[in-house]
Protein backbone atom coordinates (compact mmCIF):
# COMPACT_ATOMS: atom_id res chain seq x y z
CA UNK A 1 94.45 317.11 36.91
CA UNK A 2 96.77 319.34 34.78
CA UNK A 3 98.56 320.94 37.69
CA UNK A 4 102.28 320.37 37.87
CA UNK A 5 103.14 317.44 40.22
CA UNK A 6 106.50 319.13 41.13
CA UNK A 7 104.59 322.24 42.24
CA UNK A 8 102.17 320.12 44.17
CA UNK A 9 105.03 318.40 46.01
CA UNK A 10 106.59 321.83 46.80
CA UNK A 11 103.20 322.85 48.32
CA UNK A 12 102.99 319.68 50.38
CA UNK A 13 106.32 320.26 51.82
CA UNK A 14 105.52 323.96 52.56
CA UNK A 15 102.39 322.89 54.46
CA UNK A 16 104.49 320.50 56.67
CA UNK A 17 107.22 323.06 57.33
CA UNK A 18 104.79 325.79 58.28
CA UNK A 19 102.24 324.15 60.54
CA UNK A 20 102.75 326.93 63.07
CA UNK A 21 100.81 329.22 60.69
CA UNK A 22 97.72 327.04 60.94
CA UNK A 23 94.46 328.82 61.94
CA UNK A 24 93.26 325.59 63.53
CA UNK A 25 95.27 322.48 64.40
CA UNK A 26 95.55 320.02 61.52
CA UNK A 27 94.46 322.30 58.69
CA UNK A 28 97.73 322.07 56.77
CA UNK A 29 98.08 318.41 57.46
CA UNK A 30 94.59 317.71 55.89
CA UNK A 31 95.49 319.94 52.95
CA UNK A 32 98.82 318.16 52.36
CA UNK A 33 96.97 314.86 52.49
CA UNK A 34 94.49 316.05 49.90
CA UNK A 35 97.35 317.04 47.63
CA UNK A 36 98.99 313.62 48.13
CA UNK A 37 95.79 312.03 47.04
CA UNK A 38 95.73 314.16 43.92
CA UNK A 39 99.35 312.94 43.01
CA UNK A 40 98.25 309.42 43.49
CA UNK A 41 95.32 310.12 41.06
CA UNK A 42 97.70 311.66 38.52
CA UNK A 43 99.90 308.57 38.65
CA UNK A 44 96.87 306.25 38.16
CA UNK A 45 95.71 308.35 35.25
CA UNK A 46 99.16 308.23 33.57
CA UNK A 47 99.30 304.49 33.94
CA UNK A 48 95.81 303.95 32.84
CA UNK A 49 96.11 306.03 29.64
CA UNK A 50 99.52 305.03 28.38
CA UNK A 51 99.00 301.22 29.13
CA UNK A 52 95.91 301.24 26.90
CA UNK A 53 93.24 300.64 29.54
CA UNK A 54 89.90 301.21 27.92
CA UNK A 55 88.72 304.70 28.68
CA UNK A 56 85.39 303.72 30.27
CA UNK A 57 87.36 301.84 32.98
CA UNK A 58 89.16 304.91 34.35
CA UNK A 59 87.20 307.95 33.08
CA UNK A 60 83.55 308.94 33.54
CA UNK A 61 81.49 310.25 30.56
CA UNK A 62 82.18 313.80 31.70
CA UNK A 63 85.96 313.25 31.64
CA UNK A 64 86.30 313.07 35.41
CA UNK A 65 88.60 310.33 36.75
CA UNK A 66 86.83 307.49 38.41
CA UNK A 67 87.56 306.64 42.08
CA UNK A 68 91.12 305.64 42.74
CA UNK A 69 90.22 302.04 43.85
CA UNK A 70 88.23 301.47 40.66
CA UNK A 71 91.13 302.61 38.50
CA UNK A 72 93.65 300.66 40.48
CA UNK A 73 91.51 297.51 40.26
CA UNK A 74 91.21 297.86 36.50
CA UNK A 75 95.03 298.21 36.18
CA UNK A 76 95.31 294.83 37.94
CA UNK A 77 93.08 293.12 35.38
CA UNK A 78 94.52 291.04 32.55
CA UNK A 79 94.94 292.79 29.16
CA UNK A 80 92.95 291.15 26.30
CA UNK A 81 95.04 288.86 24.12
CA UNK A 82 97.82 288.82 26.81
CA UNK A 83 98.45 286.99 30.01
CA UNK A 84 99.88 290.23 31.57
CA UNK A 85 98.02 292.70 33.63
CA UNK A 86 97.74 296.36 32.47
CA UNK A 87 100.26 297.25 35.08
CA UNK A 88 102.72 294.80 33.44
CA UNK A 89 101.97 296.30 30.08
CA UNK A 90 102.68 299.76 31.59
CA UNK A 91 106.28 298.60 32.56
CA UNK A 92 106.98 297.99 28.78
CA UNK A 93 105.88 301.50 27.58
CA UNK A 94 109.23 303.03 28.08
CA UNK A 95 111.35 304.40 30.83
CA UNK A 96 108.98 307.39 31.72
CA UNK A 97 105.98 305.22 32.19
CA UNK A 98 107.79 302.14 33.70
CA UNK A 99 108.96 303.98 36.69
CA UNK A 100 105.32 304.70 37.85
CA UNK A 101 104.39 301.03 37.54
CA UNK A 102 107.32 299.54 39.40
CA UNK A 103 105.74 299.75 42.87
CA UNK A 104 102.13 298.55 42.67
CA UNK A 105 102.00 297.62 46.44
CA UNK A 106 103.15 301.05 47.40
CA UNK A 107 100.65 302.72 45.01
CA UNK A 108 97.81 300.63 46.54
CA UNK A 109 99.08 301.63 50.03
CA UNK A 110 99.06 305.27 49.27
CA UNK A 111 95.65 304.94 47.72
CA UNK A 112 94.27 303.68 50.99
CA UNK A 113 96.14 306.09 53.28
CA UNK A 114 95.14 309.30 51.39
CA UNK A 115 91.55 308.29 50.71
CA UNK A 116 90.32 310.27 53.63
CA UNK A 117 87.11 312.36 52.96
CA UNK A 118 88.44 315.41 54.86
CA UNK A 119 85.69 317.68 53.84
CA UNK A 120 83.06 315.51 55.66
CA UNK A 121 85.18 314.22 58.53
CA UNK A 122 84.56 315.29 62.07
CA UNK A 123 87.58 317.39 62.86
CA UNK A 124 87.53 316.17 66.45
CA UNK A 125 88.14 312.65 65.38
CA UNK A 126 91.64 311.33 64.81
CA UNK A 127 92.99 311.54 61.31
CA UNK A 128 94.10 308.49 59.47
CA UNK A 129 96.74 310.49 57.69
CA UNK A 130 99.91 311.07 59.77
CA UNK A 131 102.69 313.52 59.10
CA UNK A 132 105.05 310.58 58.83
CA UNK A 133 102.91 309.10 55.96
CA UNK A 134 103.05 312.22 54.03
CA UNK A 135 106.84 312.69 54.40
CA UNK A 136 107.48 309.18 53.46
CA UNK A 137 105.29 309.58 50.42
CA UNK A 138 107.04 312.76 49.23
CA UNK A 139 110.46 311.15 49.73
CA UNK A 140 109.50 308.25 47.52
CA UNK A 141 107.50 309.98 44.88
CA UNK A 142 109.60 313.15 44.17
CA UNK A 143 112.32 311.12 42.20
CA UNK A 144 109.58 309.89 39.83
CA UNK A 145 108.79 313.33 38.55
CA UNK A 146 110.82 315.73 36.43
CA UNK A 147 109.83 318.95 34.57
CA UNK A 148 108.43 316.86 31.70
CA UNK A 149 106.28 314.64 33.82
CA UNK A 150 103.32 317.06 33.74
CA UNK A 151 103.39 316.85 29.94
CA UNK A 152 102.43 313.19 30.16
CA UNK A 153 99.05 314.36 31.53
CA UNK A 154 98.68 317.41 29.15
CA UNK A 155 99.40 315.11 26.02
CA UNK A 156 96.95 312.42 27.35
CA UNK A 157 94.13 315.09 28.05
CA UNK A 158 94.55 316.57 24.59
CA UNK A 159 94.03 313.13 22.91
CA UNK A 160 91.05 312.31 25.06
CA UNK A 161 89.31 315.68 24.76
CA UNK A 162 89.84 315.95 20.94
CA UNK A 163 88.41 312.50 20.38
CA UNK A 164 91.73 311.29 18.95
CA UNK A 165 92.28 314.08 16.58
CA UNK A 166 95.36 314.96 18.53
CA UNK A 167 97.60 312.02 19.59
CA UNK A 168 99.81 311.75 22.63
CA UNK A 169 103.27 310.25 22.09
CA UNK A 170 106.64 309.57 23.66
CA UNK A 171 109.93 310.03 21.84
CA UNK A 172 111.80 306.93 21.22
CA UNK A 173 115.11 308.15 22.72
CA UNK A 174 116.20 307.69 26.31
CA UNK A 175 114.53 310.80 27.47
CA UNK A 176 111.12 309.48 26.36
CA UNK A 177 109.83 313.01 26.07
CA UNK A 178 106.03 313.46 25.97
CA UNK A 179 104.47 315.16 23.08
CA UNK A 180 101.42 315.65 20.90
CA UNK A 181 100.93 315.08 17.23
CA UNK A 182 98.23 316.27 14.92
CA UNK A 183 97.28 314.93 11.47
CA UNK A 184 96.63 317.53 8.72
CA UNK A 185 94.64 315.90 5.76
CA UNK A 186 95.90 316.90 2.41
CA UNK A 187 93.52 316.50 -0.71
CA UNK A 188 94.06 316.97 -4.35
CA UNK A 189 92.41 320.41 -3.89
CA UNK A 190 95.67 321.46 -2.15
CA UNK A 191 97.61 321.07 -5.40
CA UNK A 192 98.44 324.39 -7.03
CA UNK A 193 100.62 326.09 -9.51
CA UNK A 194 103.26 328.39 -8.09
CA UNK A 195 105.57 330.19 -10.56
CA UNK A 196 104.53 327.84 -13.28
CA UNK A 197 105.37 324.74 -11.11
CA UNK A 198 103.14 322.21 -9.44
CA UNK A 199 103.17 322.63 -5.68
CA UNK A 200 101.20 322.16 -2.47
CA UNK A 201 99.39 325.09 -1.15
CA UNK A 202 100.60 326.50 2.31
CA UNK A 203 99.25 324.16 5.05
CA UNK A 204 97.51 326.15 7.85
CA UNK A 205 99.28 326.27 11.34
CA UNK A 206 97.69 324.13 14.03
CA UNK A 207 95.80 326.36 16.49
CA UNK A 208 97.17 326.23 20.08
CA UNK A 209 95.43 327.54 23.09
CA UNK A 210 97.38 328.41 26.32
CA UNK A 211 95.36 328.03 29.49
CA UNK A 212 96.34 330.00 32.56
CA UNK A 213 97.62 327.57 35.26
CA UNK A 214 94.92 329.00 37.66
CA UNK A 215 92.04 328.21 35.41
CA UNK A 216 89.96 325.17 34.38
CA UNK A 217 90.60 323.52 31.14
CA UNK A 218 87.82 324.29 28.49
CA UNK A 219 85.22 321.53 28.44
CA UNK A 220 85.04 321.29 24.54
CA UNK A 221 87.54 321.53 21.88
CA UNK A 222 88.25 319.39 18.75
CA UNK A 223 91.45 320.35 16.90
CA UNK A 224 93.11 322.84 19.24
CA UNK A 225 96.23 321.85 21.16
CA UNK A 226 95.65 322.96 24.74
CA UNK A 227 98.75 323.80 26.74
CA UNK A 228 99.03 325.03 30.41
CA UNK A 229 100.83 328.32 30.92
CA UNK A 230 104.58 328.19 31.48
CA UNK A 231 104.79 324.87 29.69
CA UNK A 232 108.14 324.31 27.99
CA UNK A 233 109.85 321.32 26.42
CA UNK A 234 106.69 319.64 25.22
CA UNK A 235 107.11 318.10 21.71
CA UNK A 236 104.51 319.26 19.16
CA UNK A 237 104.43 317.70 15.77
CA UNK A 238 102.14 317.81 12.72
CA UNK A 239 101.92 315.07 10.06
CA UNK A 240 100.56 315.45 6.52
CA UNK A 241 98.29 312.56 5.65
CA UNK A 242 95.98 311.73 2.82
CA UNK A 243 92.31 311.08 3.03
CA UNK A 244 92.93 307.37 3.63
CA UNK A 245 94.96 308.37 6.69
CA UNK A 246 98.33 307.28 5.33
CA UNK A 247 101.24 309.71 5.44
CA UNK A 248 102.10 311.87 2.54
CA UNK A 249 105.61 311.16 1.14
CA UNK A 250 107.16 314.57 0.67
CA UNK A 251 110.40 313.48 -1.09
CA UNK A 252 109.26 315.19 -4.37
CA UNK A 253 106.13 316.11 -6.19
CA UNK A 254 105.94 312.71 -7.75
CA UNK A 255 105.77 310.91 -4.34
CA UNK A 256 103.25 313.48 -3.19
CA UNK A 257 100.90 312.65 -6.16
CA UNK A 258 101.44 308.96 -5.53
CA UNK A 259 100.49 309.42 -1.96
CA UNK A 260 97.24 311.17 -2.89
CA UNK A 261 96.43 308.57 -5.59
CA UNK A 262 96.92 305.40 -3.65
CA UNK A 263 93.24 304.31 -4.32
CA UNK A 264 91.34 304.36 -7.59
CA UNK A 265 89.10 307.17 -6.31
CA UNK A 266 92.27 309.10 -5.25
CA UNK A 267 93.87 308.64 -8.60
CA UNK A 268 90.76 309.89 -10.37
CA UNK A 269 90.61 313.00 -8.11
CA UNK A 270 94.27 313.73 -8.69
CA UNK A 271 93.86 313.44 -12.49
CA UNK A 272 90.82 315.69 -12.30
CA UNK A 273 92.72 318.29 -10.32
CA UNK A 274 95.66 318.21 -12.71
CA UNK A 275 93.41 318.70 -15.76
CA UNK A 276 91.79 321.63 -14.07
CA UNK A 277 95.15 323.13 -13.38
CA UNK A 278 96.35 322.56 -17.02
CA UNK A 279 98.90 320.06 -15.92
CA UNK A 280 99.64 316.87 -17.82
CA UNK A 281 101.18 313.69 -16.25
CA UNK A 282 102.70 311.64 -18.96
CA UNK A 283 104.31 308.22 -19.14
CA UNK A 284 106.63 307.07 -21.82
CA UNK A 285 108.58 304.03 -22.96
CA UNK A 286 112.04 303.59 -21.53
CA UNK A 287 114.79 304.86 -23.77
CA UNK A 288 117.05 301.98 -24.82
CA UNK A 289 119.50 303.72 -27.08
CA UNK A 290 121.86 306.50 -26.07
CA UNK A 291 120.77 308.59 -29.04
CA UNK A 292 117.06 308.13 -28.27
CA UNK A 293 115.65 311.45 -27.18
CA UNK A 294 112.69 310.89 -24.84
CA UNK A 295 110.53 312.23 -22.11
CA UNK A 296 111.97 310.57 -19.02
CA UNK A 297 109.96 308.84 -16.44
CA UNK A 298 106.73 310.29 -14.98
CA UNK A 299 106.83 313.99 -15.72
CA UNK A 300 104.73 317.07 -14.65
CA UNK A 301 104.39 319.61 -17.50
CA UNK A 302 103.93 322.83 -15.69
CA UNK A 303 101.52 325.28 -17.25
CA UNK A 304 102.17 329.07 -17.12
CA UNK A 305 98.76 330.69 -17.54
CA UNK A 306 100.33 334.03 -18.55
CA UNK A 307 102.56 332.89 -21.45
CA UNK A 308 100.61 329.82 -22.36
CA UNK A 309 103.87 327.75 -22.32
CA UNK A 310 104.66 324.44 -20.87
CA UNK A 311 107.96 323.10 -19.70
CA UNK A 312 109.23 319.51 -20.47
CA UNK A 313 112.20 317.54 -19.38
CA UNK A 314 114.01 315.75 -22.15
CA UNK A 315 117.18 313.77 -22.35
CA UNK A 316 118.78 310.42 -22.78
CA UNK A 317 120.30 307.58 -20.89
CA UNK A 318 123.84 306.10 -21.26
CA UNK A 319 123.86 302.39 -22.05
CA UNK A 320 127.26 301.92 -20.38
CA UNK A 321 126.54 303.56 -17.05
CA UNK A 322 122.77 304.04 -16.93
CA UNK A 323 123.29 307.69 -16.10
CA UNK A 324 120.60 310.06 -17.25
CA UNK A 325 121.34 313.42 -18.81
CA UNK A 326 118.31 315.72 -18.83
CA UNK A 327 117.50 319.23 -19.95
CA UNK A 328 114.38 321.42 -19.72
CA UNK A 329 112.74 322.79 -22.78
CA UNK A 330 109.80 325.06 -23.27
CA UNK A 331 106.93 324.44 -25.72
CA UNK A 332 104.72 327.31 -26.91
CA UNK A 333 101.01 327.05 -27.16
CA UNK A 334 101.01 325.80 -30.77
CA UNK A 335 103.85 323.38 -30.19
CA UNK A 336 102.14 321.99 -27.13
CA UNK A 337 98.71 321.67 -28.98
CA UNK A 338 100.46 319.57 -31.73
CA UNK A 339 102.38 317.45 -29.14
CA UNK A 340 99.23 316.88 -27.16
CA UNK A 341 97.35 315.71 -30.21
CA UNK A 342 99.80 312.78 -30.82
CA UNK A 343 98.67 309.54 -29.42
CA UNK A 344 101.69 307.29 -29.21
CA UNK A 345 105.13 307.67 -27.50
CA UNK A 346 106.85 306.98 -30.77
CA UNK A 347 105.12 309.92 -32.60
CA UNK A 348 105.81 312.29 -29.56
CA UNK A 349 109.51 311.30 -29.46
CA UNK A 350 109.84 311.83 -33.27
CA UNK A 351 108.11 315.27 -32.87
CA UNK A 352 110.46 316.32 -30.05
CA UNK A 353 113.57 315.23 -32.04
CA UNK A 354 112.64 317.69 -34.80
CA UNK A 355 112.13 320.71 -32.44
CA UNK A 356 114.93 323.23 -32.54
CA UNK A 357 114.92 323.73 -28.83
CA UNK A 358 114.95 320.00 -28.28
CA UNK A 359 118.00 319.59 -30.59
CA UNK A 360 119.80 322.27 -28.72
CA UNK A 361 118.91 320.64 -25.45
CA UNK A 362 120.08 317.23 -26.70
CA UNK A 363 123.40 318.84 -27.69
CA UNK A 364 123.90 320.23 -24.24
CA UNK A 365 123.07 316.89 -22.65
CA UNK A 366 125.49 315.23 -24.99
CA UNK A 367 128.21 317.52 -24.08
CA UNK A 368 127.58 316.82 -20.39
CA UNK A 369 127.71 313.14 -21.10
CA UNK A 370 131.06 313.36 -22.97
CA UNK A 371 132.47 315.37 -20.09
CA UNK A 372 131.39 312.81 -17.64
CA UNK A 373 132.92 310.06 -19.64
CA UNK A 374 136.09 311.87 -19.93
CA UNK A 375 136.19 312.47 -16.18
CA UNK A 376 135.67 308.66 -15.62
CA UNK A 377 138.42 307.67 -18.08
CA UNK A 378 140.77 310.16 -16.44
CA UNK A 379 140.07 308.70 -12.98
CA UNK A 380 140.57 305.23 -14.43
CA UNK A 381 143.99 306.21 -15.75
CA UNK A 382 145.15 307.74 -12.51
CA UNK A 383 144.23 304.51 -10.57
CA UNK A 384 146.10 302.31 -12.97
């Protein structure tokens, strides 16, 4: 099933062009007919998988494809919740799938022509497959396949054999390139401290197994992406998701924590992990005055286990522009203990205003704000 359709078509043409090399009459013709049937089965498999046909209608429990007439009949059935057949649904799945579903009559004709049980047929009897049938088939089918066509099958088989842990997909651009995507589950346990900052631990690489193109695909695998030797151009992507299956927003650490804590249980686990790391997540009241020094937004106070220090962002917001000017200060262990013992935002802001390092930070922020205001005034003068 995973053999390249282009290589198969090349082999078919070689059989037809070298019939003088046959050891007995008709040997190459029968072989070419069998390969034509294989390509018809590959087309039926592509259509069945990507149009959403239920697996039991085209695959046996042992992952073998059902008989061609069974698969074709199932494709001609109506799709649940729609008045369209599965073949009609396939024509809406992008340019790469659409081209295989455009000729249902020809597909059924080829299914009948190449359904000859050559291994059990009396060689003295006339064959149903003619060389003209094969040449006509190759002429019409070859334009349907390019180098990426085999990846449609590779991606589909990965999804089926992995039980859905690996997903097949098609790019949304005009090329409609086939690919596979894996989901890596991130939990609060993956939160770590790196250089005194909250971070995610390194995510392990997705294992990939390359199968020689002359070997059978391994019967069992769950999380490995299986590729056929000499494959190139297949899109491989990984997506980080939380335990609820939703994607992790990697914009910044705040959005990562929000993604991990979407549910009440998730929030509790995140808070537990942060406490274990010695990291505090604080909320504060919004500053309404320019001179009001405050802890801004949701902050992550990074804990350095060597120096027992914690970093905090302080600053103020301009009433006129809404711009925030922030500076980072470091609290020693005693200062952090006193700060942490305070219960209200007002008490904490008053405590910060009296810290020498906070006063210095406020001065730096004020100078930046003045420079910013001066630059705006200068620009206004130039325009006037």
